[in-house]
N, C-alpha and C. Protein backbone atom coordinates (compact mmCIF):
# COMPACT_ATOMS: atom_id res chain seq x y z
N MET A 1 -12.43 17.49 -12.51
CA MET A 1 -11.18 16.78 -12.66
C MET A 1 -11.42 15.28 -12.52
N ARG A 2 -10.79 14.49 -13.37
CA ARG A 2 -10.92 13.04 -13.34
C ARG A 2 -9.77 12.42 -12.57
N LYS A 3 -10.04 11.32 -11.89
CA LYS A 3 -8.99 10.54 -11.27
C LYS A 3 -8.48 9.56 -12.32
N LEU A 4 -7.17 9.49 -12.50
CA LEU A 4 -6.58 8.69 -13.56
C LEU A 4 -5.48 7.78 -13.02
N LEU A 5 -5.27 6.65 -13.70
CA LEU A 5 -4.24 5.69 -13.33
C LEU A 5 -3.53 5.25 -14.60
N CYS A 6 -2.23 5.13 -14.53
CA CYS A 6 -1.45 4.61 -15.66
C CYS A 6 -1.50 3.08 -15.60
N PRO A 7 -1.99 2.42 -16.65
CA PRO A 7 -2.06 0.95 -16.62
C PRO A 7 -0.69 0.29 -16.73
N ALA A 8 0.33 1.02 -17.15
CA ALA A 8 1.66 0.44 -17.32
C ALA A 8 2.49 0.50 -16.04
N CYS A 9 2.53 1.66 -15.38
CA CYS A 9 3.41 1.80 -14.21
C CYS A 9 2.66 2.17 -12.94
N CYS A 10 1.34 2.30 -13.00
CA CYS A 10 0.47 2.55 -11.85
C CYS A 10 0.67 3.92 -11.19
N GLU A 11 1.28 4.87 -11.90
CA GLU A 11 1.30 6.24 -11.38
C GLU A 11 -0.13 6.76 -11.36
N VAL A 12 -0.43 7.64 -10.44
CA VAL A 12 -1.77 8.21 -10.28
C VAL A 12 -1.72 9.69 -10.63
N ALA A 13 -2.79 10.19 -11.26
CA ALA A 13 -2.83 11.60 -11.64
C ALA A 13 -4.26 12.11 -11.52
N ILE A 14 -4.38 13.42 -11.49
CA ILE A 14 -5.66 14.10 -11.56
C ILE A 14 -5.61 14.93 -12.84
N GLY A 15 -6.63 14.82 -13.67
CA GLY A 15 -6.61 15.56 -14.93
C GLY A 15 -8.00 15.94 -15.39
N PRO A 16 -8.08 16.84 -16.37
CA PRO A 16 -9.37 17.33 -16.83
C PRO A 16 -10.12 16.35 -17.73
N SER A 17 -9.44 15.36 -18.31
CA SER A 17 -10.10 14.43 -19.23
C SER A 17 -9.37 13.09 -19.21
N ASP A 18 -9.85 12.15 -20.02
CA ASP A 18 -9.21 10.84 -20.12
C ASP A 18 -7.96 10.88 -20.99
N GLU A 19 -7.66 11.98 -21.63
CA GLU A 19 -6.56 12.06 -22.58
C GLU A 19 -5.23 12.48 -21.95
N VAL A 20 -5.05 12.24 -20.68
CA VAL A 20 -3.80 12.59 -20.00
C VAL A 20 -2.78 11.49 -20.23
N VAL A 21 -1.55 11.87 -20.50
CA VAL A 21 -0.46 10.93 -20.70
C VAL A 21 0.38 10.90 -19.42
N CYS A 22 0.80 9.71 -19.02
CA CYS A 22 1.60 9.53 -17.81
C CYS A 22 2.95 10.23 -17.97
N LYS A 23 3.28 11.07 -16.99
CA LYS A 23 4.56 11.78 -17.03
C LYS A 23 5.73 10.84 -16.75
N ALA A 24 5.48 9.71 -16.11
CA ALA A 24 6.55 8.78 -15.77
C ALA A 24 6.95 7.88 -16.94
N CYS A 25 5.95 7.41 -17.72
CA CYS A 25 6.30 6.43 -18.77
C CYS A 25 5.71 6.76 -20.14
N GLY A 26 4.81 7.74 -20.24
CA GLY A 26 4.27 8.14 -21.53
C GLY A 26 3.03 7.41 -21.98
N GLU A 27 2.54 6.45 -21.20
CA GLU A 27 1.33 5.72 -21.57
C GLU A 27 0.09 6.57 -21.32
N LYS A 28 -1.00 6.28 -22.04
CA LYS A 28 -2.27 6.97 -21.82
C LYS A 28 -2.87 6.51 -20.49
N MET A 29 -3.30 7.47 -19.68
CA MET A 29 -3.90 7.18 -18.39
C MET A 29 -5.34 6.69 -18.59
N ILE A 30 -5.85 5.89 -17.63
CA ILE A 30 -7.24 5.43 -17.67
C ILE A 30 -7.99 6.03 -16.49
N ALA A 31 -9.26 6.35 -16.70
CA ALA A 31 -10.08 6.94 -15.64
C ALA A 31 -10.41 5.88 -14.60
N ILE A 32 -10.35 6.27 -13.34
CA ILE A 32 -10.73 5.36 -12.25
C ILE A 32 -11.96 5.86 -11.51
N ASP A 33 -12.60 6.90 -12.03
CA ASP A 33 -13.81 7.41 -11.40
C ASP A 33 -14.83 6.28 -11.26
N GLY A 34 -15.40 6.14 -10.10
CA GLY A 34 -16.40 5.11 -9.87
C GLY A 34 -15.83 3.74 -9.55
N SER A 35 -14.50 3.59 -9.62
CA SER A 35 -13.88 2.31 -9.30
C SER A 35 -13.81 2.13 -7.79
N LEU A 36 -13.67 0.89 -7.40
CA LEU A 36 -13.51 0.56 -5.99
C LEU A 36 -12.11 0.06 -5.74
N LEU A 37 -11.66 0.22 -4.52
CA LEU A 37 -10.33 -0.24 -4.12
C LEU A 37 -10.50 -1.23 -2.98
N ALA A 38 -9.85 -2.38 -3.12
CA ALA A 38 -9.86 -3.37 -2.05
C ALA A 38 -8.43 -3.54 -1.55
N VAL A 39 -8.28 -3.60 -0.26
CA VAL A 39 -6.99 -3.89 0.35
C VAL A 39 -7.08 -5.34 0.80
N VAL A 40 -6.26 -6.20 0.20
CA VAL A 40 -6.29 -7.64 0.49
C VAL A 40 -4.91 -8.08 0.98
N PRO A 41 -4.84 -9.15 1.75
CA PRO A 41 -3.53 -9.63 2.21
C PRO A 41 -2.64 -10.01 1.02
N ASP A 42 -1.40 -9.57 1.07
CA ASP A 42 -0.43 -9.88 0.01
C ASP A 42 0.23 -11.22 0.35
N ARG A 43 -0.48 -12.28 0.04
CA ARG A 43 -0.01 -13.65 0.29
C ARG A 43 -0.69 -14.56 -0.72
N PRO A 44 -0.15 -15.74 -0.94
CA PRO A 44 -0.82 -16.67 -1.85
C PRO A 44 -2.26 -16.92 -1.40
N GLY A 45 -3.21 -16.75 -2.29
CA GLY A 45 -4.61 -16.96 -1.98
C GLY A 45 -5.33 -15.73 -1.47
N GLY A 46 -4.62 -14.63 -1.21
CA GLY A 46 -5.26 -13.41 -0.70
C GLY A 46 -6.30 -12.86 -1.66
N LEU A 47 -5.95 -12.78 -2.93
CA LEU A 47 -6.90 -12.29 -3.93
C LEU A 47 -8.03 -13.29 -4.12
N ALA A 48 -7.72 -14.58 -4.12
CA ALA A 48 -8.76 -15.60 -4.27
C ALA A 48 -9.78 -15.52 -3.13
N ASP A 49 -9.31 -15.30 -1.92
CA ASP A 49 -10.22 -15.17 -0.78
C ASP A 49 -11.15 -13.96 -0.96
N PHE A 50 -10.58 -12.85 -1.43
CA PHE A 50 -11.39 -11.66 -1.67
C PHE A 50 -12.44 -11.93 -2.75
N LEU A 51 -12.02 -12.54 -3.85
CA LEU A 51 -12.96 -12.84 -4.94
C LEU A 51 -14.04 -13.82 -4.48
N ALA A 52 -13.70 -14.72 -3.58
CA ALA A 52 -14.70 -15.64 -3.03
C ALA A 52 -15.77 -14.88 -2.24
N GLN A 53 -15.35 -13.83 -1.51
CA GLN A 53 -16.31 -13.02 -0.77
C GLN A 53 -17.28 -12.33 -1.74
N LEU A 54 -16.74 -11.83 -2.87
CA LEU A 54 -17.61 -11.22 -3.88
C LEU A 54 -18.57 -12.25 -4.45
N ALA A 55 -18.07 -13.44 -4.74
CA ALA A 55 -18.90 -14.50 -5.31
C ALA A 55 -20.02 -14.90 -4.36
N GLU A 56 -19.71 -14.99 -3.06
CA GLU A 56 -20.73 -15.34 -2.07
C GLU A 56 -21.90 -14.36 -2.10
N LYS A 57 -21.60 -13.09 -2.34
CA LYS A 57 -22.64 -12.07 -2.39
C LYS A 57 -23.19 -11.86 -3.81
N LYS A 58 -22.74 -12.74 -4.75
CA LYS A 58 -23.17 -12.68 -6.15
C LYS A 58 -22.87 -11.34 -6.80
N ILE A 59 -21.68 -10.81 -6.49
CA ILE A 59 -21.22 -9.53 -7.05
C ILE A 59 -20.35 -9.83 -8.25
N ASN A 60 -20.74 -9.31 -9.40
CA ASN A 60 -20.01 -9.50 -10.65
C ASN A 60 -18.94 -8.43 -10.81
N VAL A 61 -17.71 -8.84 -11.05
CA VAL A 61 -16.60 -7.91 -11.29
C VAL A 61 -16.49 -7.69 -12.80
N THR A 62 -16.50 -6.42 -13.22
CA THR A 62 -16.41 -6.11 -14.65
C THR A 62 -14.99 -5.76 -15.08
N ALA A 63 -14.14 -5.36 -14.16
CA ALA A 63 -12.73 -5.06 -14.44
C ALA A 63 -11.96 -5.17 -13.13
N LEU A 64 -10.69 -5.60 -13.23
CA LEU A 64 -9.88 -5.77 -12.03
C LEU A 64 -8.42 -5.62 -12.39
N ARG A 65 -7.68 -4.93 -11.51
CA ARG A 65 -6.23 -4.78 -11.69
C ARG A 65 -5.58 -4.65 -10.33
N VAL A 66 -4.57 -5.44 -10.09
CA VAL A 66 -3.75 -5.27 -8.89
C VAL A 66 -2.84 -4.10 -9.18
N VAL A 67 -2.93 -3.05 -8.37
CA VAL A 67 -2.20 -1.82 -8.68
C VAL A 67 -1.03 -1.55 -7.75
N GLY A 68 -0.80 -2.41 -6.79
CA GLY A 68 0.36 -2.19 -5.95
C GLY A 68 0.35 -3.02 -4.69
N ARG A 69 1.48 -2.99 -4.02
CA ARG A 69 1.68 -3.69 -2.77
C ARG A 69 2.30 -2.73 -1.78
N CYS A 70 1.84 -2.77 -0.54
CA CYS A 70 2.34 -1.85 0.47
C CYS A 70 2.10 -2.46 1.85
N GLU A 71 3.17 -2.60 2.63
CA GLU A 71 3.08 -3.02 4.02
C GLU A 71 2.31 -4.32 4.23
N GLY A 72 2.58 -5.34 3.40
CA GLY A 72 1.95 -6.63 3.56
C GLY A 72 0.57 -6.76 2.95
N ASP A 73 0.09 -5.73 2.30
CA ASP A 73 -1.21 -5.76 1.64
C ASP A 73 -1.05 -5.49 0.16
N ALA A 74 -1.98 -5.99 -0.63
CA ALA A 74 -2.07 -5.67 -2.05
C ALA A 74 -3.28 -4.77 -2.24
N ARG A 75 -3.16 -3.86 -3.17
CA ARG A 75 -4.27 -2.97 -3.50
C ARG A 75 -4.83 -3.39 -4.85
N VAL A 76 -6.16 -3.64 -4.87
CA VAL A 76 -6.84 -4.13 -6.05
C VAL A 76 -7.88 -3.11 -6.47
N LEU A 77 -7.75 -2.61 -7.67
CA LEU A 77 -8.71 -1.67 -8.24
C LEU A 77 -9.70 -2.48 -9.05
N PHE A 78 -10.99 -2.32 -8.78
CA PHE A 78 -11.97 -3.10 -9.54
C PHE A 78 -13.25 -2.30 -9.76
N SER A 79 -14.02 -2.78 -10.74
CA SER A 79 -15.31 -2.16 -11.07
C SER A 79 -16.39 -3.21 -10.99
N THR A 80 -17.58 -2.76 -10.61
CA THR A 80 -18.75 -3.62 -10.55
C THR A 80 -19.99 -2.75 -10.69
N ASP A 81 -21.08 -3.36 -11.14
CA ASP A 81 -22.35 -2.64 -11.19
C ASP A 81 -23.07 -2.70 -9.84
N GLN A 82 -22.46 -3.37 -8.86
CA GLN A 82 -23.06 -3.56 -7.55
C GLN A 82 -22.18 -2.95 -6.46
N SER A 83 -21.83 -1.69 -6.64
CA SER A 83 -20.91 -1.01 -5.72
C SER A 83 -21.42 -1.00 -4.29
N ASP A 84 -22.71 -0.76 -4.09
CA ASP A 84 -23.24 -0.69 -2.72
C ASP A 84 -23.01 -2.00 -1.98
N GLU A 85 -23.24 -3.13 -2.65
CA GLU A 85 -23.03 -4.42 -2.03
C GLU A 85 -21.54 -4.67 -1.78
N ALA A 86 -20.70 -4.31 -2.75
CA ALA A 86 -19.25 -4.53 -2.61
C ALA A 86 -18.67 -3.71 -1.46
N LEU A 87 -19.20 -2.52 -1.23
CA LEU A 87 -18.70 -1.66 -0.15
C LEU A 87 -18.98 -2.24 1.23
N GLN A 88 -19.83 -3.25 1.32
CA GLN A 88 -20.12 -3.91 2.61
C GLN A 88 -19.02 -4.90 3.00
N ILE A 89 -18.13 -5.23 2.06
CA ILE A 89 -17.06 -6.18 2.33
C ILE A 89 -15.90 -5.43 3.00
N PRO A 90 -15.38 -5.94 4.12
CA PRO A 90 -14.27 -5.27 4.80
C PRO A 90 -13.08 -5.05 3.86
N GLY A 91 -12.52 -3.85 3.92
CA GLY A 91 -11.37 -3.52 3.09
C GLY A 91 -11.70 -2.90 1.75
N VAL A 92 -13.00 -2.78 1.41
CA VAL A 92 -13.41 -2.19 0.13
C VAL A 92 -13.85 -0.76 0.37
N GLN A 93 -13.38 0.14 -0.49
CA GLN A 93 -13.75 1.56 -0.42
C GLN A 93 -13.71 2.15 -1.82
N TYR A 94 -14.27 3.33 -1.98
CA TYR A 94 -14.15 4.01 -3.26
C TYR A 94 -12.69 4.37 -3.51
N ALA A 95 -12.25 4.23 -4.75
CA ALA A 95 -10.87 4.55 -5.10
C ALA A 95 -10.68 6.06 -5.11
N THR A 96 -9.64 6.51 -4.43
CA THR A 96 -9.21 7.90 -4.51
C THR A 96 -7.72 7.87 -4.78
N ALA A 97 -7.24 8.89 -5.41
CA ALA A 97 -5.84 8.90 -5.84
C ALA A 97 -4.87 8.63 -4.68
N GLY A 98 -5.10 9.20 -3.53
CA GLY A 98 -4.18 9.03 -2.42
C GLY A 98 -4.23 7.66 -1.76
N LYS A 99 -5.31 6.89 -1.98
CA LYS A 99 -5.44 5.60 -1.33
C LYS A 99 -4.92 4.46 -2.20
N ILE A 100 -4.78 4.67 -3.49
CA ILE A 100 -4.37 3.57 -4.36
C ILE A 100 -2.96 3.13 -4.03
N LEU A 101 -2.03 4.04 -4.11
CA LEU A 101 -0.65 3.76 -3.74
C LEU A 101 -0.17 4.93 -2.91
N PRO A 102 -0.28 4.85 -1.60
CA PRO A 102 0.03 6.02 -0.77
C PRO A 102 1.46 6.51 -0.89
N ASP A 103 2.37 5.64 -1.35
CA ASP A 103 3.77 6.06 -1.44
C ASP A 103 4.09 6.78 -2.74
N LEU A 104 3.13 6.91 -3.66
CA LEU A 104 3.36 7.64 -4.91
C LEU A 104 2.77 9.03 -4.82
N ALA A 105 3.46 9.99 -5.36
CA ALA A 105 2.95 11.36 -5.39
C ALA A 105 1.90 11.47 -6.48
N VAL A 106 0.88 12.28 -6.26
CA VAL A 106 -0.13 12.54 -7.27
C VAL A 106 0.42 13.57 -8.26
N LEU A 107 0.36 13.23 -9.54
CA LEU A 107 0.85 14.13 -10.58
C LEU A 107 -0.21 15.16 -10.89
N GLU A 108 0.16 16.41 -10.95
CA GLU A 108 -0.81 17.48 -11.27
C GLU A 108 -0.71 17.83 -12.75
């Protein structure tokens, strides 16, 4: 089963392939397997500070999307070829459906 995210409304789903359509809005879901999730402060400059930490470690980001806000934090889904190094940064973890937006139900 693949972990999937709707790029339009950020609903999360688990499905057998990349061809799953979002039940909430009808958009094609995108696979998030192998993506990382960062929890950053939801304030002006919060994302910039996080990206500066990546830059200090010379970690190249290949894709990035802010996927939600919850309890004063923003959740940022991103991809890099340097996952091991990125995981050393506080607040970075592998993306799982339940951690992206904890207040959304996972669609089966």
